Amino acid sequence: MSAWAYECRTRDDSAARWFVARTAIDELPPDTRGVLVRVGDDWLPAIVDRSRQVAVEAMLLHDVIADEEFTGTGAEVLPASEPSAPATNLLTTSDSGPVDRRDLQPGAPGRSAARQPVTAAAISMAGTKFIVVLVDLTTASGPGEADLVIADMQRRFGVPVVLMGQEEDGTPIYYGNVDLKERLADVPMDRMPWKEYTLS
């Protein structure tokens, strides 16, 4: 299920981004830019970007409150070095059905997957929310680039990430957290809620 949201970014130099419900932000004073976003058990300082609304999976939304101690200005929302992205920054599309993306090519090692379409499934099992991201078989087969992709995707989605590649016959190969991989073992691949995301 999709929901309208705003993107929040960390106040340091990291690439972490989180999504918060538009309704939650609209309840705050209109000049509020500094917020605290709940990530796990922590409340992390962030800047909310009200200039763009995005449609995201509801399970990716984080709790948010105003940061009364923040005194920054709107200039911190989007640095001049970053071009403003269109309102369709992260859009969900209709379910793609069974996965047939064997030609998918991830970014080169060490390079961000920015502005590339990403096919992923948002999953919630036994109270744990995570994302399964479709990559090529080489990436999903071992450490190295896979660890870089997972770190990048976890910053962008704000939840744990498992990578999935496919053998020639379509058999899924998972890479990531062992517990999450075990939970996925009994989930039919074509029953996962696959959608395409465009990440900025």
Foldseek 3Di string as FASTA:
>chain_A
DKAKWWKKDALDDDGFIATAHPVQVVVDPPQFFWKWWDQPNGTGIIGTDPPAIEIDDPVLHTDMDGDPPDDDHPCSRAPPVDDDDHNHQKYWDQFPFFDDPQVAAADDAPDASAQPKWKWFWDADPNATEIETEHHPVLQVDDRSVVVHQVRVCSQSSHGYKYWHADPVGHIRIDDDPVVVVVCPPPPRRPTRITMIHHD
